[in-house]
Each structure stands twice: as structure tokens, then as C-alpha cells.
Amino acid sequence: MEVILAFVIGGLFALAIYMLLRRSLVKLLIGLALLSHAANLLIFTAAKLTRGRPPVIGMETAALEPPFADPLPQALILTAIVISFGVMAFALALAFRAYRSVGTDDLDQMQSTDV
């Protein structure tokens, strides 16, 4: 399963870089979203995929009993999702404002304008 995810992550990173290098502002934002998804999958895969119980200590036990899922990558990915949502919201608002003021989504034309 890790090998399949490695190819999927590599493909997502390649597609994200390709989209980031395009001239359209919308494609740049899609590339940014794909990059954040690829980074989340990379963190998830690097933590080794294990199926187990949730990492919760019960009332009758004193310690966690294996197999249990590692909570650290889950917490990191949850934090990364929240941060990427904030970055995407800011980027969308900035792109919308730039499109309204310049009138185009072509990044080369945005550089040549003096607003």
C-alpha cells in the first residue's frame, strides 16, 4: 500500500508543480491546493500505515495495548489542513481582488500593469 501511495504522492507533487508554473491565476490556486494535499499524504505515509485501535487509554487499563494508531501524524495532518484552508481562503480573496482591479487572470499581464 505504501508503494501505491508513494506513486500517488509523486504524481500529486508533479501535477502541483506543473500547475504552479502555469500563467493562469486559477491554475496557480489549484496547484497550491494540490501541493497541500500531497504534503498531507506524505506525512500520513511517512508515519507508516498501521491499522489499529484509536490511541485512547481505557478505564480498566493502565497503558495502551498494541496495535494502536499513532496519534502524532494525525495531529500534524489536522493542523496542516487547518493552515492550508486559511492559506487557500487568503489566496482566493487576494486573487479575486487582483482580478477585479486588473481585469485578467494572466500573471504576465498582471506584472505589466501599474495599479
PDB file of N, CA and C in Angstrom:
ATOM      1  N   MET A   1       0.817  -1.193   0.000  1.00  0.00           N
ATOM      2  CA  MET A   1       0.000   0.000   0.000  1.00  0.00           C
ATOM      3  C   MET A   1       0.866   1.264   0.000  1.00  0.00           C
ATOM      4  N   GLU A   2       2.013   1.208   0.699  1.00  0.00           N
ATOM      5  CA  GLU A   2       2.882   2.380   0.747  1.00  0.00           C
ATOM      6  C   GLU A   2       3.477   2.708  -0.619  1.00  0.00           C
ATOM      7  N   VAL A   3       3.718   1.670  -1.432  1.00  0.00           N
ATOM      8  CA  VAL A   3       4.287   1.899  -2.760  1.00  0.00           C
ATOM      9  C   VAL A   3       3.277   2.621  -3.647  1.00  0.00           C
ATOM     10  N   ILE A   4       2.024   2.214  -3.576  1.00  0.00           N
ATOM     11  CA  ILE A   4       0.976   2.877  -4.361  1.00  0.00           C
ATOM     12  C   ILE A   4       0.835   4.331  -3.923  1.00  0.00           C
ATOM     13  N   LEU A   5       0.827   4.553  -2.624  1.00  0.00           N
ATOM     14  CA  LEU A   5       0.721   5.920  -2.122  1.00  0.00           C
ATOM     15  C   LEU A   5       1.943   6.754  -2.503  1.00  0.00           C
ATOM     16  N   ALA A   6       3.103   6.141  -2.572  1.00  0.00           N
ATOM     17  CA  ALA A   6       4.303   6.877  -2.983  1.00  0.00           C
ATOM     18  C   ALA A   6       4.164   7.374  -4.422  1.00  0.00           C
ATOM     19  N   PHE A   7       3.632   6.529  -5.303  1.00  0.00           N
ATOM     20  CA  PHE A   7       3.420   6.970  -6.681  1.00  0.00           C
ATOM     21  C   PHE A   7       2.328   8.035  -6.771  1.00  0.00           C
ATOM     22  N   VAL A   8       1.289   7.893  -5.981  1.00  0.00           N
ATOM     23  CA  VAL A   8       0.218   8.895  -5.973  1.00  0.00           C
ATOM     24  C   VAL A   8       0.750  10.234  -5.467  1.00  0.00           C
ATOM     25  N   ILE A   9       1.552  10.195  -4.410  1.00  0.00           N
ATOM     26  CA  ILE A   9       2.117  11.430  -3.854  1.00  0.00           C
ATOM     27  C   ILE A   9       3.068  12.079  -4.859  1.00  0.00           C
ATOM     28  N   GLY A  10       3.900  11.279  -5.501  1.00  0.00           N
ATOM     29  CA  GLY A  10       4.797  11.813  -6.522  1.00  0.00           C
ATOM     30  C   GLY A  10       4.037  12.447  -7.669  1.00  0.00           C
ATOM     31  N   GLY A  11       2.955  11.790  -8.089  1.00  0.00           N
ATOM     32  CA  GLY A  11       2.127  12.353  -9.150  1.00  0.00           C
ATOM     33  C   GLY A  11       1.454  13.651  -8.729  1.00  0.00           C
ATOM     34  N   LEU A  12       0.979  13.698  -7.484  1.00  0.00           N
ATOM     35  CA  LEU A  12       0.351  14.928  -6.986  1.00  0.00           C
ATOM     36  C   LEU A  12       1.355  16.072  -6.902  1.00  0.00           C
ATOM     37  N   PHE A  13       2.559  15.775  -6.422  1.00  0.00           N
ATOM     38  CA  PHE A  13       3.592  16.821  -6.362  1.00  0.00           C
ATOM     39  C   PHE A  13       3.959  17.301  -7.772  1.00  0.00           C
ATOM     40  N   ALA A  14       4.099  16.372  -8.719  1.00  0.00           N
ATOM     41  CA  ALA A  14       4.438  16.754 -10.089  1.00  0.00           C
ATOM     42  C   ALA A  14       3.327  17.596 -10.711  1.00  0.00           C
ATOM     43  N   LEU A  15       2.082  17.186 -10.518  1.00  0.00           N
ATOM     44  CA  LEU A  15       0.958  17.946 -11.052  1.00  0.00           C
ATOM     45  C   LEU A  15       0.842  19.311 -10.392  1.00  0.00           C
ATOM     46  N   ALA A  16       1.122  19.372  -9.090  1.00  0.00           N
ATOM     47  CA  ALA A  16       1.055  20.651  -8.373  1.00  0.00           C
ATOM     48  C   ALA A  16       2.128  21.606  -8.884  1.00  0.00           C
ATOM     49  N   ILE A  17       3.337  21.111  -9.099  1.00  0.00           N
ATOM     50  CA  ILE A  17       4.408  21.975  -9.612  1.00  0.00           C
ATOM     51  C   ILE A  17       4.075  22.441 -11.029  1.00  0.00           C
ATOM     52  N   TYR A  18       3.525  21.539 -11.832  1.00  0.00           N
ATOM     53  CA  TYR A  18       3.124  21.919 -13.187  1.00  0.00           C
ATOM     54  C   TYR A  18       2.057  23.014 -13.152  1.00  0.00           C
ATOM     55  N   MET A  19       1.078  22.864 -12.279  1.00  0.00           N
ATOM     56  CA  MET A  19       0.011  23.864 -12.190  1.00  0.00           C
ATOM     57  C   MET A  19       0.531  25.186 -11.620  1.00  0.00           C
ATOM     58  N   LEU A  20       1.491  25.122 -10.707  1.00  0.00           N
ATOM     59  CA  LEU A  20       2.057  26.357 -10.163  1.00  0.00           C
ATOM     60  C   LEU A  20       2.847  27.138 -11.205  1.00  0.00           C
ATOM     61  N   LEU A  21       3.374  26.461 -12.205  1.00  0.00           N
ATOM     62  CA  LEU A  21       4.161  27.126 -13.234  1.00  0.00           C
ATOM     63  C   LEU A  21       3.331  27.645 -14.405  1.00  0.00           C
ATOM     64  N   ARG A  22       2.029  27.446 -14.377  1.00  0.00           N
ATOM     65  CA  ARG A  22       1.157  27.944 -15.437  1.00  0.00           C
ATOM     66  C   ARG A  22       0.956  29.444 -15.284  1.00  0.00           C
ATOM     67  N   ARG A  23       0.424  30.079 -16.326  1.00  0.00           N
ATOM     68  CA  ARG A  23       0.271  31.531 -16.315  1.00  0.00           C
ATOM     69  C   ARG A  23      -1.060  31.984 -15.734  1.00  0.00           C
ATOM     70  N   SER A  24      -1.997  31.101 -15.586  1.00  0.00           N
ATOM     71  CA  SER A  24      -3.314  31.478 -15.090  1.00  0.00           C
ATOM     72  C   SER A  24      -3.332  31.495 -13.566  1.00  0.00           C
ATOM     73  N   LEU A  25      -4.023  32.465 -13.016  1.00  0.00           N
ATOM     74  CA  LEU A  25      -4.113  32.591 -11.560  1.00  0.00           C
ATOM     75  C   LEU A  25      -4.948  31.473 -10.953  1.00  0.00           C
ATOM     76  N   VAL A  26      -5.970  31.026 -11.668  1.00  0.00           N
ATOM     77  CA  VAL A  26      -6.816  29.934 -11.174  1.00  0.00           C
ATOM     78  C   VAL A  26      -6.016  28.635 -11.116  1.00  0.00           C
ATOM     79  N   LYS A  27      -5.201  28.393 -12.127  1.00  0.00           N
ATOM     80  CA  LYS A  27      -4.369  27.188 -12.135  1.00  0.00           C
ATOM     81  C   LYS A  27      -3.319  27.237 -11.036  1.00  0.00           C
ATOM     82  N   LEU A  28      -2.837  28.419 -10.720  1.00  0.00           N
ATOM     83  CA  LEU A  28      -1.900  28.571  -9.619  1.00  0.00           C
ATOM     84  C   LEU A  28      -2.553  28.199  -8.287  1.00  0.00           C
ATOM     85  N   LEU A  29      -3.801  28.613  -8.103  1.00  0.00           N
ATOM     86  CA  LEU A  29      -4.506  28.278  -6.867  1.00  0.00           C
ATOM     87  C   LEU A  29      -4.816  26.784  -6.783  1.00  0.00           C
ATOM     88  N   ILE A  30      -5.147  26.166  -7.908  1.00  0.00           N
ATOM     89  CA  ILE A  30      -5.374  24.720  -7.926  1.00  0.00           C
ATOM     90  C   ILE A  30      -4.076  23.984  -7.603  1.00  0.00           C
ATOM     91  N   GLY A  31      -2.963  24.462  -8.137  1.00  0.00           N
ATOM     92  CA  GLY A  31      -1.666  23.871  -7.828  1.00  0.00           C
ATOM     93  C   GLY A  31      -1.315  23.998  -6.355  1.00  0.00           C
ATOM     94  N   LEU A  32      -1.663  25.126  -5.757  1.00  0.00           N
ATOM     95  CA  LEU A  32      -1.422  25.320  -4.322  1.00  0.00           C
ATOM     96  C   LEU A  32      -2.236  24.333  -3.493  1.00  0.00           C
ATOM     97  N   ALA A  33      -3.478  24.104  -3.889  1.00  0.00           N
ATOM     98  CA  ALA A  33      -4.319  23.133  -3.181  1.00  0.00           C
ATOM     99  C   ALA A  33      -3.773  21.717  -3.338  1.00  0.00           C
ATOM    100  N   LEU A  34      -3.363  21.369  -4.553  1.00  0.00           N
ATOM    101  CA  LEU A  34      -2.795  20.035  -4.777  1.00  0.00           C
ATOM    102  C   LEU A  34      -1.506  19.831  -3.993  1.00  0.00           C
ATOM    103  N   LEU A  35      -0.716  20.879  -3.879  1.00  0.00           N
ATOM    104  CA  LEU A  35       0.528  20.786  -3.119  1.00  0.00           C
ATOM    105  C   LEU A  35       0.251  20.519  -1.639  1.00  0.00           C
ATOM    106  N   SER A  36      -0.753  21.159  -1.098  1.00  0.00           N
ATOM    107  CA  SER A  36      -1.074  20.922   0.314  1.00  0.00           C
ATOM    108  C   SER A  36      -1.623  19.513   0.530  1.00  0.00           C
ATOM    109  N   HIS A  37      -2.418  19.014  -0.422  1.00  0.00           N
ATOM    110  CA  HIS A  37      -2.926  17.646  -0.300  1.00  0.00           C
ATOM    111  C   HIS A  37      -1.798  16.620  -0.396  1.00  0.00           C
ATOM    112  N   ALA A  38      -0.855  16.878  -1.284  1.00  0.00           N
ATOM    113  CA  ALA A  38       0.277  15.966  -1.433  1.00  0.00           C
ATOM    114  C   ALA A  38       1.142  15.957  -0.174  1.00  0.00           C
ATOM    115  N   ALA A  39       1.325  17.123   0.434  1.00  0.00           N
ATOM    116  CA  ALA A  39       2.116  17.183   1.670  1.00  0.00           C
ATOM    117  C   ALA A  39       1.409  16.433   2.803  1.00  0.00           C
ATOM    118  N   ASN A  40       0.088  16.538   2.873  1.00  0.00           N
ATOM    119  CA  ASN A  40      -0.658  15.800   3.901  1.00  0.00           C
ATOM    120  C   ASN A  40      -0.531  14.293   3.694  1.00  0.00           C
ATOM    121  N   LEU A  41      -0.637  13.844   2.460  1.00  0.00           N
ATOM    122  CA  LEU A  41      -0.477  12.414   2.194  1.00  0.00           C
ATOM    123  C   LEU A  41       0.948  11.944   2.481  1.00  0.00           C
ATOM    124  N   LEU A  42       1.922  12.805   2.240  1.00  0.00           N
ATOM    125  CA  LEU A  42       3.313  12.445   2.530  1.00  0.00           C
ATOM    126  C   LEU A  42       3.528  12.255   4.027  1.00  0.00           C
ATOM    127  N   ILE A  43       2.989  13.137   4.828  1.00  0.00           N
ATOM    128  CA  ILE A  43       3.099  12.989   6.286  1.00  0.00           C
ATOM    129  C   ILE A  43       2.409  11.712   6.736  1.00  0.00           C
ATOM    130  N   PHE A  44       1.236  11.451   6.167  1.00  0.00           N
ATOM    131  CA  PHE A  44       0.470  10.261   6.540  1.00  0.00           C
ATOM    132  C   PHE A  44       1.204   8.980   6.165  1.00  0.00           C
ATOM    133  N   THR A  45       1.829   8.957   5.006  1.00  0.00           N
ATOM    134  CA  THR A  45       2.539   7.761   4.551  1.00  0.00           C
ATOM    135  C   THR A  45       3.862   7.583   5.274  1.00  0.00           C
ATOM    136  N   ALA A  46       4.537   8.674   5.602  1.00  0.00           N
ATOM    137  CA  ALA A  46       5.817   8.570   6.294  1.00  0.00           C
ATOM    138  C   ALA A  46       5.658   8.017   7.701  1.00  0.00           C
ATOM    139  N   ALA A  47       4.469   8.114   8.266  1.00  0.00           N
ATOM    140  CA  ALA A  47       4.224   7.620   9.620  1.00  0.00           C
ATOM    141  C   ALA A  47       3.884   6.133   9.646  1.00  0.00           C
ATOM    142  N   LYS A  48       4.006   5.459   8.526  1.00  0.00           N
ATOM    143  CA  LYS A  48       3.716   4.027   8.395  1.00  0.00           C
ATOM    144  C   LYS A  48       2.233   3.765   8.611  1.00  0.00           C
ATOM    145  N   LEU A  49       1.635   3.162   7.623  1.00  0.00           N
ATOM    146  CA  LEU A  49       0.222   2.856   7.691  1.00  0.00           C
ATOM    147  C   LEU A  49       0.005   1.643   8.581  1.00  0.00           C
ATOM    148  N   THR A  50      -0.631   1.845   9.700  1.00  0.00           N
ATOM    149  CA  THR A  50      -0.955   0.740  10.599  1.00  0.00           C
ATOM    150  C   THR A  50      -2.433   0.789  10.927  1.00  0.00           C
ATOM    151  N   ARG A  51      -3.034  -0.385  10.905  1.00  0.00           N
ATOM    152  CA  ARG A  51      -4.430  -0.464  11.300  1.00  0.00           C
ATOM    153  C   ARG A  51      -4.474  -0.888  12.755  1.00  0.00           C
ATOM    154  N   GLY A  52      -5.166  -0.141  13.523  1.00  0.00           N
ATOM    155  CA  GLY A  52      -5.256  -0.468  14.935  1.00  0.00           C
ATOM    156  C   GLY A  52      -6.359   0.321  15.600  1.00  0.00           C
ATOM    157  N   ARG A  53      -6.413   0.142  16.867  1.00  0.00           N
ATOM    158  CA  ARG A  53      -7.431   0.848  17.645  1.00  0.00           C
ATOM    159  C   ARG A  53      -7.034   2.300  17.822  1.00  0.00           C
ATOM    160  N   PRO A  54      -8.000   3.133  18.182  1.00  0.00           N
ATOM    161  CA  PRO A  54      -7.651   4.526  18.475  1.00  0.00           C
ATOM    162  C   PRO A  54      -6.738   4.602  19.692  1.00  0.00           C
ATOM    163  N   PRO A  55      -5.851   5.585  19.742  1.00  0.00           N
ATOM    164  CA  PRO A  55      -4.915   5.693  20.861  1.00  0.00           C
ATOM    165  C   PRO A  55      -5.561   6.307  22.108  1.00  0.00           C
ATOM    166  N   VAL A  56      -6.483   5.558  22.685  1.00  0.00           N
ATOM    167  CA  VAL A  56      -7.189   6.020  23.874  1.00  0.00           C
ATOM    168  C   VAL A  56      -6.991   4.976  24.972  1.00  0.00           C
ATOM    169  N   ILE A  57      -6.594   5.433  26.159  1.00  0.00           N
ATOM    170  CA  ILE A  57      -6.416   4.530  27.287  1.00  0.00           C
ATOM    171  C   ILE A  57      -7.763   4.362  27.969  1.00  0.00           C
ATOM    172  N   GLY A  58      -8.194   3.123  28.087  1.00  0.00           N
ATOM    173  CA  GLY A  58      -9.486   2.830  28.694  1.00  0.00           C
ATOM    174  C   GLY A  58      -9.459   2.946  30.213  1.00  0.00           C
ATOM    175  N   MET A  59     -10.620   2.847  30.806  1.00  0.00           N
ATOM    176  CA  MET A  59     -10.746   2.956  32.265  1.00  0.00           C
ATOM    177  C   MET A  59     -10.128   1.752  32.976  1.00  0.00           C
ATOM    178  N   GLU A  60     -10.175   0.586  32.350  1.00  0.00           N
ATOM    179  CA  GLU A  60      -9.693  -0.617  33.016  1.00  0.00           C
ATOM    180  C   GLU A  60      -8.231  -0.928  32.730  1.00  0.00           C
ATOM    181  N   THR A  61      -7.587  -0.196  31.839  1.00  0.00           N
ATOM    182  CA  THR A  61      -6.186  -0.451  31.516  1.00  0.00           C
ATOM    183  C   THR A  61      -5.309   0.707  31.993  1.00  0.00           C
ATOM    184  N   ALA A  62      -4.024   0.406  32.181  1.00  0.00           N
ATOM    185  CA  ALA A  62      -3.082   1.423  32.650  1.00  0.00           C
ATOM    186  C   ALA A  62      -2.240   2.008  31.528  1.00  0.00           C
ATOM    187  N   ALA A  63      -2.148   1.292  30.402  1.00  0.00           N
ATOM    188  CA  ALA A  63      -1.339   1.773  29.282  1.00  0.00           C
ATOM    189  C   ALA A  63      -1.993   1.331  27.977  1.00  0.00           C
ATOM    190  N   LEU A  64      -1.495   1.882  26.902  1.00  0.00           N
ATOM    191  CA  LEU A  64      -2.012   1.493  25.592  1.00  0.00           C
ATOM    192  C   LEU A  64      -1.561   0.088  25.245  1.00  0.00           C
ATOM    193  N   GLU A  65      -2.467  -0.666  24.671  1.00  0.00           N
ATOM    194  CA  GLU A  65      -2.147  -2.023  24.251  1.00  0.00           C
ATOM    195  C   GLU A  65      -2.037  -2.055  22.730  1.00  0.00           C
ATOM    196  N   PRO A  66      -0.924  -2.593  22.217  1.00  0.00           N
ATOM    197  CA  PRO A  66      -0.776  -2.639  20.761  1.00  0.00           C
ATOM    198  C   PRO A  66      -1.774  -3.612  20.140  1.00  0.00           C
ATOM    199  N   PRO A  67      -2.141  -3.476  18.917  1.00  0.00           N
ATOM    200  CA  PRO A  67      -1.784  -2.418  17.969  1.00  0.00           C
ATOM    201  C   PRO A  67      -2.674  -1.184  18.162  1.00  0.00           C
ATOM    202  N   PHE A  68      -2.062  -0.021  18.109  1.00  0.00           N
ATOM    203  CA  PHE A  68      -2.825   1.227  18.175  1.00  0.00           C
ATOM    204  C   PHE A  68      -2.268   2.198  17.152  1.00  0.00           C
ATOM    205  N   ALA A  69      -3.107   3.082  16.692  1.00  0.00           N
ATOM    206  CA  ALA A  69      -2.701   4.053  15.676  1.00  0.00           C
ATOM    207  C   ALA A  69      -1.872   5.155  16.325  1.00  0.00           C
ATOM    208  N   ASP A  70      -0.878   5.632  15.602  1.00  0.00           N
ATOM    209  CA  ASP A  70      -0.014   6.702  16.096  1.00  0.00           C
ATOM    210  C   ASP A  70      -0.765   8.032  15.992  1.00  0.00           C
ATOM    211  N   PRO A  71      -0.957   8.748  17.097  1.00  0.00           N
ATOM    212  CA  PRO A  71      -1.747   9.986  17.033  1.00  0.00           C
ATOM    213  C   PRO A  71      -0.973  11.196  16.510  1.00  0.00           C
ATOM    214  N   LEU A  72       0.358  11.156  16.512  1.00  0.00           N
ATOM    215  CA  LEU A  72       1.135  12.324  16.098  1.00  0.00           C
ATOM    216  C   LEU A  72       0.931  12.704  14.637  1.00  0.00           C
ATOM    217  N   PRO A  73       1.016  11.774  13.674  1.00  0.00           N
ATOM    218  CA  PRO A  73       0.773  12.183  12.289  1.00  0.00           C
ATOM    219  C   PRO A  73      -0.646  12.687  12.061  1.00  0.00           C
ATOM    220  N   GLN A  74      -1.597  12.116  12.779  1.00  0.00           N
ATOM    221  CA  GLN A  74      -2.974  12.578  12.644  1.00  0.00           C
ATOM    222  C   GLN A  74      -3.107  14.017  13.130  1.00  0.00           C
ATOM    223  N   ALA A  75      -2.435  14.344  14.218  1.00  0.00           N
ATOM    224  CA  ALA A  75      -2.481  15.713  14.733  1.00  0.00           C
ATOM    225  C   ALA A  75      -1.757  16.674  13.781  1.00  0.00           C
ATOM    226  N   LEU A  76      -0.633  16.240  13.216  1.00  0.00           N
ATOM    227  CA  LEU A  76       0.083  17.086  12.269  1.00  0.00           C
ATOM    228  C   LEU A  76      -0.735  17.354  11.010  1.00  0.00           C
ATOM    229  N   ILE A  77      -1.399  16.322  10.517  1.00  0.00           N
ATOM    230  CA  ILE A  77      -2.206  16.488   9.311  1.00  0.00           C
ATOM    231  C   ILE A  77      -3.418  17.367   9.596  1.00  0.00           C
ATOM    232  N   LEU A  78      -4.029  17.210  10.745  1.00  0.00           N
ATOM    233  CA  LEU A  78      -5.160  18.060  11.094  1.00  0.00           C
ATOM    234  C   LEU A  78      -4.738  19.524  11.166  1.00  0.00           C
ATOM    235  N   THR A  79      -3.582  19.781  11.752  1.00  0.00           N
ATOM    236  CA  THR A  79      -3.058  21.144  11.804  1.00  0.00           C
ATOM    237  C   THR A  79      -2.744  21.660  10.403  1.00  0.00           C
ATOM    238  N   ALA A  80      -2.164  20.815   9.558  1.00  0.00           N
ATOM    239  CA  ALA A  80      -1.839  21.221   8.194  1.00  0.00           C
ATOM    240  C   ALA A  80      -3.091  21.504   7.376  1.00  0.00           C
ATOM    241  N   ILE A  81      -4.162  20.759   7.615  1.00  0.00           N
ATOM    242  CA  ILE A  81      -5.417  21.000   6.909  1.00  0.00           C
ATOM    243  C   ILE A  81      -5.978  22.370   7.278  1.00  0.00           C
ATOM    244  N   VAL A  82      -5.941  22.695   8.558  1.00  0.00           N
ATOM    245  CA  VAL A  82      -6.454  23.990   9.002  1.00  0.00           C
ATOM    246  C   VAL A  82      -5.612  25.130   8.432  1.00  0.00           C
ATOM    247  N   ILE A  83      -4.301  24.974   8.447  1.00  0.00           N
ATOM    248  CA  ILE A  83      -3.423  26.020   7.912  1.00  0.00           C
ATOM    249  C   ILE A  83      -3.610  26.160   6.408  1.00  0.00           C
ATOM    250  N   SER A  84      -3.716  25.054   5.684  1.00  0.00           N
ATOM    251  CA  SER A  84      -3.903  25.145   4.236  1.00  0.00           C
ATOM    252  C   SER A  84      -5.265  25.736   3.887  1.00  0.00           C
ATOM    253  N   PHE A  85      -6.274  25.494   4.712  1.00  0.00           N
ATOM    254  CA  PHE A  85      -7.577  26.128   4.481  1.00  0.00           C
ATOM    255  C   PHE A  85      -7.465  27.643   4.626  1.00  0.00           C
ATOM    256  N   GLY A  86      -6.748  28.099   5.632  1.00  0.00           N
ATOM    257  CA  GLY A  86      -6.553  29.536   5.816  1.00  0.00           C
ATOM    258  C   GLY A  86      -5.760  30.158   4.685  1.00  0.00           C
ATOM    259  N   VAL A  87      -4.715  29.465   4.238  1.00  0.00           N
ATOM    260  CA  VAL A  87      -3.898  29.975   3.132  1.00  0.00           C
ATOM    261  C   VAL A  87      -4.721  30.028   1.849  1.00  0.00           C
ATOM    262  N   MET A  88      -5.520  28.997   1.602  1.00  0.00           N
ATOM    263  CA  MET A  88      -6.346  28.987   0.393  1.00  0.00           C
ATOM    264  C   MET A  88      -7.418  30.070   0.445  1.00  0.00           C
ATOM    265  N   ALA A  89      -8.019  30.303   1.595  1.00  0.00           N
ATOM    266  CA  ALA A  89      -9.018  31.368   1.714  1.00  0.00           C
ATOM    267  C   ALA A  89      -8.383  32.729   1.442  1.00  0.00           C
ATOM    268  N   PHE A  90      -7.197  32.958   2.001  1.00  0.00           N
ATOM    269  CA  PHE A  90      -6.500  34.213   1.764  1.00  0.00           C
ATOM    270  C   PHE A  90      -6.103  34.357   0.297  1.00  0.00           C
ATOM    271  N   ALA A  91      -5.602  33.273  -0.301  1.00  0.00           N
ATOM    272  CA  ALA A  91      -5.182  33.322  -1.706  1.00  0.00           C
ATOM    273  C   ALA A  91      -6.373  33.550  -2.629  1.00  0.00           C
ATOM    274  N   LEU A  92      -7.511  32.941  -2.321  1.00  0.00           N
ATOM    275  CA  LEU A  92      -8.700  33.159  -3.138  1.00  0.00           C
ATOM    276  C   LEU A  92      -9.181  34.602  -3.040  1.00  0.00           C
ATOM    277  N   ALA A  93      -9.179  35.165  -1.839  1.00  0.00           N
ATOM    278  CA  ALA A  93      -9.587  36.558  -1.676  1.00  0.00           C
ATOM    279  C   ALA A  93      -8.617  37.493  -2.392  1.00  0.00           C
ATOM    280  N   LEU A  94      -7.337  37.213  -2.292  1.00  0.00           N
ATOM    281  CA  LEU A  94      -6.331  38.031  -2.973  1.00  0.00           C
ATOM    282  C   LEU A  94      -6.460  37.912  -4.491  1.00  0.00           C
ATOM    283  N   ALA A  95      -6.706  36.703  -4.987  1.00  0.00           N
ATOM    284  CA  ALA A  95      -6.861  36.510  -6.429  1.00  0.00           C
ATOM    285  C   ALA A  95      -8.122  37.202  -6.934  1.00  0.00           C
ATOM    286  N   PHE A  96      -9.195  37.134  -6.176  1.00  0.00           N
ATOM    287  CA  PHE A  96     -10.430  37.797  -6.581  1.00  0.00           C
ATOM    288  C   PHE A  96     -10.245  39.305  -6.636  1.00  0.00           C
ATOM    289  N   ARG A  97      -9.569  39.846  -5.648  1.00  0.00           N
ATOM    290  CA  ARG A  97      -9.315  41.295  -5.627  1.00  0.00           C
ATOM    291  C   ARG A  97      -8.390  41.706  -6.769  1.00  0.00           C
ATOM    292  N   ALA A  98      -7.388  40.901  -7.054  1.00  0.00           N
ATOM    293  CA  ALA A  98      -6.481  41.214  -8.160  1.00  0.00           C
ATOM    294  C   ALA A  98      -7.208  41.131  -9.495  1.00  0.00           C
ATOM    295  N   TYR A  99      -8.080  40.155  -9.649  1.00  0.00           N
ATOM    296  CA  TYR A  99      -8.840  40.032 -10.893  1.00  0.00           C
ATOM    297  C   TYR A  99      -9.791  41.208 -11.079  1.00  0.00           C
ATOM    298  N   ARG A 100     -10.418  41.648 -10.000  1.00  0.00           N
ATOM    299  CA  ARG A 100     -11.333  42.792 -10.100  1.00  0.00           C
ATOM    300  C   ARG A 100     -10.600  44.081 -10.427  1.00  0.00           C
ATOM    301  N   SER A 101      -9.407  44.258  -9.902  1.00  0.00           N
ATOM    302  CA  SER A 101      -8.695  45.515 -10.147  1.00  0.00           C
ATOM    303  C   SER A 101      -7.962  45.523 -11.491  1.00  0.00           C
ATOM    304  N   VAL A 102      -7.453  44.361 -11.923  1.00  0.00           N
ATOM    305  CA  VAL A 102      -6.681  44.309 -13.167  1.00  0.00           C
ATOM    306  C   VAL A 102      -7.564  43.915 -14.349  1.00  0.00           C
ATOM    307  N   GLY A 103      -8.498  43.012 -14.134  1.00  0.00           N
ATOM    308  CA  GLY A 103      -9.396  42.590 -15.202  1.00  0.00           C
ATOM    309  C   GLY A 103      -8.930  41.366 -15.961  1.00  0.00           C
ATOM    310  N   THR A 104      -7.897  40.709 -15.509  1.00  0.00           N
ATOM    311  CA  THR A 104      -7.403  39.499 -16.163  1.00  0.00           C
ATOM    312  C   THR A 104      -6.832  38.556 -15.109  1.00  0.00           C
ATOM    313  N   ASP A 105      -6.757  37.272 -15.479  1.00  0.00           N
ATOM    314  CA  ASP A 105      -6.139  36.312 -14.561  1.00  0.00           C
ATOM    315  C   ASP A 105      -4.790  35.831 -15.078  1.00  0.00           C
ATOM    316  N   ASP A 106      -4.304  36.434 -16.160  1.00  0.00           N
ATOM    317  CA  ASP A 106      -2.998  36.091 -16.710  1.00  0.00           C
ATOM    318  C   ASP A 106      -1.904  36.765 -15.866  1.00  0.00           C
ATOM    319  N   LEU A 107      -1.004  35.970 -15.343  1.00  0.00           N
ATOM    320  CA  LEU A 107       0.008  36.504 -14.436  1.00  0.00           C
ATOM    321  C   LEU A 107       1.008  37.410 -15.149  1.00  0.00           C
ATOM    322  N   ASP A 108       1.279  37.153 -16.431  1.00  0.00           N
ATOM    323  CA  ASP A 108       2.206  38.036 -17.160  1.00  0.00           C
ATOM    324  C   ASP A 108       1.601  39.421 -17.365  1.00  0.00           C
ATOM    325  N   GLN A 109       0.310  39.485 -17.611  1.00  0.00           N
ATOM    326  CA  GLN A 109      -0.342  40.780 -17.770  1.00  0.00           C
ATOM    327  C   GLN A 109      -0.486  41.504 -16.433  1.00  0.00           C
ATOM    328  N   MET A 110      -0.572  40.770 -15.355  1.00  0.00           N
ATOM    329  CA  MET A 110      -0.659  41.401 -14.033  1.00  0.00           C
ATOM    330  C   MET A 110       0.660  42.060 -13.650  1.00  0.00           C
ATOM    331  N   GLN A 111       1.777  41.522 -14.098  1.00  0.00           N
ATOM    332  CA  GLN A 111       3.076  42.108 -13.776  1.00  0.00           C
ATOM    333  C   GLN A 111       3.297  43.416 -14.521  1.00  0.00           C
ATOM    334  N   SER A 112       2.724  43.546 -15.710  1.00  0.00           N
ATOM    335  CA  SER A 112       2.989  44.735 -16.511  1.00  0.00           C
ATOM    336  C   SER A 112       2.062  45.903 -16.182  1.00  0.00           C
ATOM    337  N   THR A 113       1.040  45.671 -15.360  1.00  0.00           N
ATOM    338  CA  THR A 113       0.124  46.765 -15.027  1.00  0.00           C
ATOM    339  C   THR A 113       0.633  47.561 -13.865  1.00  0.00           C
ATOM    340  N   ASP A 114       0.273  48.815 -13.833  1.00  0.00           N
ATOM    341  CA  ASP A 114       0.631  49.697 -12.721  1.00  0.00           C
ATOM    342  C   ASP A 114      -0.650  50.131 -12.038  1.00  0.00           C
ATOM    343  N   VAL A 115      -1.010  49.431 -10.982  1.00  0.00           N
ATOM    344  CA  VAL A 115      -2.266  49.721 -10.287  1.00  0.00           C
ATOM    345  C   VAL A 115      -1.992  50.418  -8.989  1.00  0.00           C
TER     346      VAL A 115
END
